[in-house]
Amino acid sequence: MSVASANVNLMIKAARKAARGLVRDFGEVENLQVSMKGAGDFVSRADMKAEEIIRTELLEGRPNYGYLGEETAEVKGTDPTRRWIVDPLDGTTNFLHGLPHWAISIALEHKGEIVAGVVYDPAKDEMFVAEKGNGCWLNDRRLRVSARRDMIEMIFATGIPFANKGDLPETLRDLGRLMPHCAGVRRWGAASLDLAYVAAGRYDGFWERRLQPWDFAAGLILVKEAGGLTASIDTDRSILDSGSLIAANEPVFDRFAKVIRGA
């Protein structure tokens, strides 16, 4: 990134610091897969340890900001207009199974708007960074969303509900409507990286329902600053309120949204 603000530099520092422990722990997961104890508790501890590192870094750097994380209780800041939103390990199931596709996601919210975001993939050393008005970057390279216009050439990403989650029928209907008109759908298990890949033009679009703010907050501004469009699947509610999200490049956005909404 050409010139990063103090807040973005703090976010990058926190992500890199947490990543060191996660990379070390990830190297142990394969050994734990064959042990009697199993890896689940180990990964849970790694997740919580990473959030503790990020939370400490962010709140020491900006003690007046609020904090919302996946693993710990929300902190109300003395500045009610600013809040960190953090997922210390997005793609926990991938991490647990030794799959190198997981990320650290940190966003900054100001007056209800996401104004900065960092999504760091330590396994590939890919740091996606965006700040309002300053573009979207992968390491030192400026990103733009895909320029494809024909849906039949496009690849989309989503999360498919698992473990008896109630929105599986909706997602299956989405797939039934979308797949005849596109080149494929991917389900890689980390929403923050799905959105980062839309920003990088690797995917042409993304959608998912019932997400939590930490799942998508950083990815949201990545897509916007890379020139993409985002909206809630529920047209009468905001993305942050509904937890539902559509993201794509401008040429296909309306057509893609109509398919997902069943219009």
Protein backbone atom coordinates (compact mmCIF):
# COMPACT_ATOMS: atom_id res chain seq x y z
CA MET A 1 0.00 0.00 0.00
CA SER A 2 1.49 3.35 -1.04
CA VAL A 3 0.61 5.46 2.01
CA ALA A 4 -1.18 3.87 4.95
CA SER A 5 -2.78 5.74 7.82
CA ALA A 6 -1.75 5.19 11.43
CA ASN A 7 -4.89 3.08 11.98
CA VAL A 8 -4.12 0.83 9.02
CA ASN A 9 -0.51 0.41 10.13
CA LEU A 10 -1.80 -0.61 13.57
CA MET A 11 -4.15 -3.17 11.98
CA ILE A 12 -1.35 -4.63 9.85
CA LYS A 13 0.96 -4.84 12.86
CA ALA A 14 -1.70 -6.63 14.93
CA ALA A 15 -2.46 -9.10 12.11
CA ARG A 16 1.19 -9.96 11.57
CA LYS A 17 1.83 -10.39 15.29
CA ALA A 18 -1.11 -12.78 15.70
CA ALA A 19 -0.14 -14.63 12.54
CA ARG A 20 3.21 -15.72 13.96
CA GLY A 21 1.53 -17.84 16.63
CA LEU A 22 -1.11 -19.16 14.26
CA VAL A 23 1.47 -20.26 11.69
CA ARG A 24 3.38 -22.09 14.39
CA ASP A 25 0.20 -23.73 15.68
CA PHE A 26 -0.90 -24.64 12.14
CA GLY A 27 2.32 -26.58 11.76
CA GLU A 28 1.29 -28.72 14.73
CA VAL A 29 -2.21 -29.54 13.51
CA GLU A 30 -1.19 -32.39 11.22
CA ASN A 31 0.56 -34.19 14.10
CA LEU A 32 -2.48 -33.72 16.33
CA GLN A 33 -4.83 -35.25 13.76
CA VAL A 34 -3.54 -38.72 14.60
CA SER A 35 -3.38 -38.29 18.37
CA MET A 36 -5.95 -39.59 20.82
CA LYS A 37 -6.53 -36.09 22.13
CA GLY A 38 -7.44 -34.66 18.72
CA ALA A 39 -6.95 -31.14 17.41
CA GLY A 40 -10.24 -29.40 18.21
CA ASP A 41 -9.32 -28.01 21.63
CA PHE A 42 -5.87 -27.05 20.40
CA VAL A 43 -7.32 -25.00 17.53
CA SER A 44 -9.84 -23.33 19.85
CA ARG A 45 -6.99 -22.24 22.09
CA ALA A 46 -5.02 -20.99 19.08
CA ASP A 47 -8.05 -18.97 17.96
CA MET A 48 -8.52 -17.37 21.37
CA LYS A 49 -4.81 -16.68 21.77
CA ALA A 50 -4.74 -14.90 18.40
CA GLU A 51 -7.71 -12.74 19.37
CA GLU A 52 -6.06 -11.83 22.68
CA ILE A 53 -2.97 -10.62 20.79
CA ILE A 54 -5.03 -8.59 18.31
CA ARG A 55 -7.30 -7.14 20.95
CA THR A 56 -4.35 -6.08 23.11
CA GLU A 57 -2.55 -4.44 20.19
CA LEU A 58 -5.60 -2.56 18.95
CA LEU A 59 -6.87 -1.37 22.33
CA GLU A 60 -3.42 -0.33 23.50
CA GLY A 61 -3.00 1.65 20.30
CA ARG A 62 -6.51 3.14 20.39
CA PRO A 63 -7.82 2.76 23.96
CA ASN A 64 -10.91 4.90 23.29
CA TYR A 65 -12.22 2.73 20.42
CA GLY A 66 -14.79 -0.02 20.87
CA TYR A 67 -14.10 -3.65 20.03
CA LEU A 68 -16.23 -6.48 18.63
CA GLY A 69 -14.59 -9.87 18.21
CA GLU A 70 -15.73 -13.41 17.56
CA GLU A 71 -14.19 -14.96 20.67
CA THR A 72 -14.45 -12.33 23.43
CA ALA A 73 -17.02 -9.99 24.93
CA GLU A 74 -17.69 -6.70 23.18
CA VAL A 75 -15.95 -3.60 24.53
CA LYS A 76 -17.80 -0.29 24.44
CA GLY A 77 -15.30 2.48 23.74
CA THR A 78 -15.36 5.97 25.15
CA ASP A 79 -15.48 7.06 21.51
CA PRO A 80 -18.89 5.65 20.49
CA THR A 81 -18.30 6.39 16.80
CA ARG A 82 -15.37 4.01 16.25
CA ARG A 83 -15.16 0.25 16.69
CA TRP A 84 -12.76 -2.53 15.72
CA ILE A 85 -14.42 -5.65 14.26
CA VAL A 86 -12.19 -8.74 14.38
CA ASP A 87 -12.16 -12.38 13.34
CA PRO A 88 -8.83 -13.77 14.57
CA LEU A 89 -9.15 -16.99 12.58
CA ASP A 90 -11.59 -17.09 9.68
CA GLY A 91 -11.62 -20.57 8.25
CA THR A 92 -11.28 -22.45 11.53
CA THR A 93 -12.43 -25.75 10.01
CA ASN A 94 -9.81 -25.46 7.27
CA PHE A 95 -7.18 -24.77 9.94
CA LEU A 96 -8.36 -27.77 11.96
CA HIS A 97 -8.04 -30.07 8.94
CA GLY A 98 -4.61 -28.79 7.90
CA LEU A 99 -5.92 -26.92 4.85
CA PRO A 100 -3.86 -23.75 4.19
CA HIS A 101 -6.82 -21.47 3.50
CA TRP A 102 -7.62 -19.29 6.52
CA ALA A 103 -7.16 -15.65 7.44
CA ILE A 104 -7.07 -12.93 10.05
CA SER A 105 -9.71 -10.25 9.46
CA ILE A 106 -9.65 -6.79 11.08
CA ALA A 107 -11.97 -3.90 10.22
CA LEU A 108 -12.53 -0.39 11.53
CA GLU A 109 -16.07 0.94 11.71
CA HIS A 110 -16.79 4.68 11.97
CA LYS A 111 -20.34 5.91 12.49
CA GLY A 112 -21.78 2.66 11.17
CA GLU A 113 -19.57 2.54 8.06
CA ILE A 114 -16.56 0.29 7.51
CA VAL A 115 -13.70 2.67 6.68
CA ALA A 116 -10.67 0.36 6.74
CA GLY A 117 -10.04 -3.34 6.46
CA VAL A 118 -7.19 -5.85 6.59
CA VAL A 119 -7.47 -9.51 5.59
CA TYR A 120 -4.20 -11.40 6.05
CA ASP A 121 -3.59 -14.90 4.71
CA PRO A 122 -0.43 -16.02 6.55
CA ALA A 123 -0.11 -19.34 4.70
CA LYS A 124 0.41 -17.46 1.42
CA ASP A 125 1.74 -14.22 2.97
CA GLU A 126 -1.00 -12.23 1.21
CA MET A 127 -1.97 -9.01 2.98
CA PHE A 128 -5.14 -7.46 1.56
CA VAL A 129 -5.60 -3.87 2.74
CA ALA A 130 -8.17 -1.19 1.97
CA GLU A 131 -9.03 2.21 3.39
CA LYS A 132 -11.83 4.51 2.36
CA GLY A 133 -10.68 6.66 -0.55
CA ASN A 134 -7.25 5.01 -0.76
CA GLY A 135 -7.96 1.95 -2.89
CA CYS A 136 -7.48 -1.76 -2.27
CA TRP A 137 -4.06 -3.39 -2.22
CA LEU A 138 -2.51 -6.85 -2.10
CA ASN A 139 0.89 -6.35 -0.53
CA ASP A 140 2.23 -3.53 -2.77
CA ARG A 141 -0.05 -4.14 -5.77
CA ARG A 142 -3.23 -2.15 -6.46
CA LEU A 143 -6.29 -4.36 -6.95
CA ARG A 144 -9.34 -4.07 -9.18
CA VAL A 145 -12.36 -6.33 -9.41
CA SER A 146 -12.88 -8.54 -12.44
CA ALA A 147 -13.82 -6.84 -15.72
CA ARG A 148 -15.74 -9.85 -17.05
CA ARG A 149 -19.22 -9.12 -18.39
CA ASP A 150 -20.61 -12.50 -19.45
CA MET A 151 -21.97 -14.52 -16.52
CA ILE A 152 -21.27 -17.80 -18.29
CA GLU A 153 -17.53 -17.02 -17.96
CA MET A 154 -17.70 -16.11 -14.28
CA ILE A 155 -16.86 -17.96 -11.07
CA PHE A 156 -18.78 -17.14 -7.90
CA ALA A 157 -18.17 -18.01 -4.25
CA THR A 158 -20.45 -18.69 -1.32
CA GLY A 159 -20.67 -20.51 1.98
CA ILE A 160 -22.81 -23.64 2.05
CA PRO A 161 -24.55 -24.17 5.42
CA PHE A 162 -23.47 -27.22 7.40
CA ALA A 163 -24.29 -29.02 10.65
CA ASN A 164 -28.06 -28.66 10.28
CA LYS A 165 -28.04 -24.87 9.83
CA GLY A 166 -31.47 -23.66 8.79
CA ASP A 167 -30.60 -21.78 5.60
CA LEU A 168 -29.46 -24.80 3.57
CA PRO A 169 -32.67 -24.93 1.46
CA GLU A 170 -32.21 -21.28 0.46
CA THR A 171 -28.62 -21.87 -0.57
CA LEU A 172 -29.54 -24.95 -2.60
CA ARG A 173 -32.18 -22.88 -4.41
CA ASP A 174 -29.54 -20.21 -5.06
CA LEU A 175 -27.21 -22.81 -6.56
CA GLY A 176 -29.99 -24.23 -8.71
CA ARG A 177 -30.73 -20.80 -10.16
CA LEU A 178 -27.12 -19.66 -10.57
CA MET A 179 -25.11 -22.65 -11.74
CA PRO A 180 -26.75 -23.04 -15.17
CA HIS A 181 -25.65 -19.48 -15.99
CA CYS A 182 -22.01 -19.39 -14.77
CA ALA A 183 -18.65 -21.16 -15.07
CA GLY A 184 -18.72 -22.47 -11.53
CA VAL A 185 -19.25 -21.92 -7.81
CA ARG A 186 -16.58 -22.36 -5.14
CA ARG A 187 -17.01 -23.02 -1.41
CA TRP A 188 -13.61 -22.57 0.26
CA GLY A 189 -14.75 -21.92 3.80
CA ALA A 190 -13.50 -18.42 4.65
CA ALA A 191 -15.80 -15.50 3.83
CA SER A 192 -13.12 -12.86 4.38
CA LEU A 193 -10.91 -14.49 1.74
CA ASP A 194 -13.88 -14.96 -0.60
CA LEU A 195 -14.41 -11.20 -0.52
CA ALA A 196 -10.67 -10.51 -0.85
CA TYR A 197 -10.66 -12.71 -3.93
CA VAL A 198 -13.57 -10.76 -5.41
CA ALA A 199 -11.53 -7.59 -4.85
CA ALA A 200 -8.55 -9.22 -6.59
CA GLY A 201 -10.62 -10.37 -9.58
CA ARG A 202 -10.06 -14.04 -8.76
CA TYR A 203 -13.77 -14.49 -8.13
CA ASP A 204 -16.38 -12.49 -10.00
CA GLY A 205 -18.91 -12.40 -7.17
CA PHE A 206 -19.85 -13.65 -3.72
CA TRP A 207 -23.03 -14.12 -1.72
CA GLU A 208 -23.97 -15.57 1.66
CA ARG A 209 -26.65 -15.27 4.33
CA ARG A 210 -26.60 -15.23 8.14
CA LEU A 211 -23.05 -13.98 8.50
CA GLN A 212 -21.72 -12.21 11.57
CA PRO A 213 -20.12 -8.74 11.23
CA TRP A 214 -16.62 -10.12 11.80
CA ASP A 215 -17.11 -12.53 8.88
CA PHE A 216 -17.41 -9.82 6.26
CA ALA A 217 -16.60 -6.36 7.68
CA ALA A 218 -13.03 -6.13 6.38
CA GLY A 219 -13.90 -7.83 3.10
CA LEU A 220 -16.67 -5.36 2.48
CA ILE A 221 -14.35 -2.38 2.09
CA LEU A 222 -11.85 -4.44 0.10
CA VAL A 223 -14.49 -5.00 -2.58
CA LYS A 224 -15.72 -1.39 -2.53
CA GLU A 225 -12.23 0.09 -2.81
CA ALA A 226 -11.41 -2.32 -5.64
CA GLY A 227 -14.34 -0.92 -7.63
CA GLY A 228 -16.95 -3.56 -6.84
CA LEU A 229 -20.51 -3.21 -5.59
CA THR A 230 -22.05 -4.66 -2.44
CA ALA A 231 -25.58 -4.88 -1.12
CA SER A 232 -27.71 -6.83 1.30
CA ILE A 233 -29.68 -9.78 -0.05
CA ASP A 234 -32.54 -8.45 2.09
CA THR A 235 -33.34 -5.22 0.26
CA ASP A 236 -35.08 -3.59 3.24
CA ARG A 237 -32.11 -4.02 5.62
CA SER A 238 -28.45 -3.01 5.62
CA ILE A 239 -25.64 -5.55 5.27
CA LEU A 240 -24.51 -5.04 8.87
CA ASP A 241 -28.06 -5.47 10.17
CA SER A 242 -29.06 -8.45 8.03
CA GLY A 243 -25.79 -10.37 7.85
CA SER A 244 -26.59 -11.13 4.21
CA LEU A 245 -24.37 -9.98 1.39
CA ILE A 246 -24.01 -9.84 -2.37
CA ALA A 247 -20.76 -8.60 -3.92
CA ALA A 248 -19.72 -8.42 -7.57
CA ASN A 249 -18.29 -6.21 -10.27
CA GLU A 250 -20.55 -3.50 -11.66
CA PRO A 251 -21.31 -5.06 -15.11
CA VAL A 252 -22.83 -8.21 -13.62
CA PHE A 253 -24.06 -7.00 -10.25
CA ASP A 254 -27.75 -6.42 -11.11
CA ARG A 255 -28.11 -9.73 -12.97
CA PHE A 256 -26.33 -11.63 -10.22
CA ALA A 257 -28.42 -9.98 -7.50
CA LYS A 258 -31.67 -10.86 -9.33
CA VAL A 259 -30.64 -14.52 -9.50
CA ILE A 260 -29.77 -14.70 -5.80
CA ARG A 261 -32.88 -12.82 -4.71
CA GLY A 262 -35.02 -15.06 -6.91
CA ALA A 263 -36.38 -12.11 -8.87
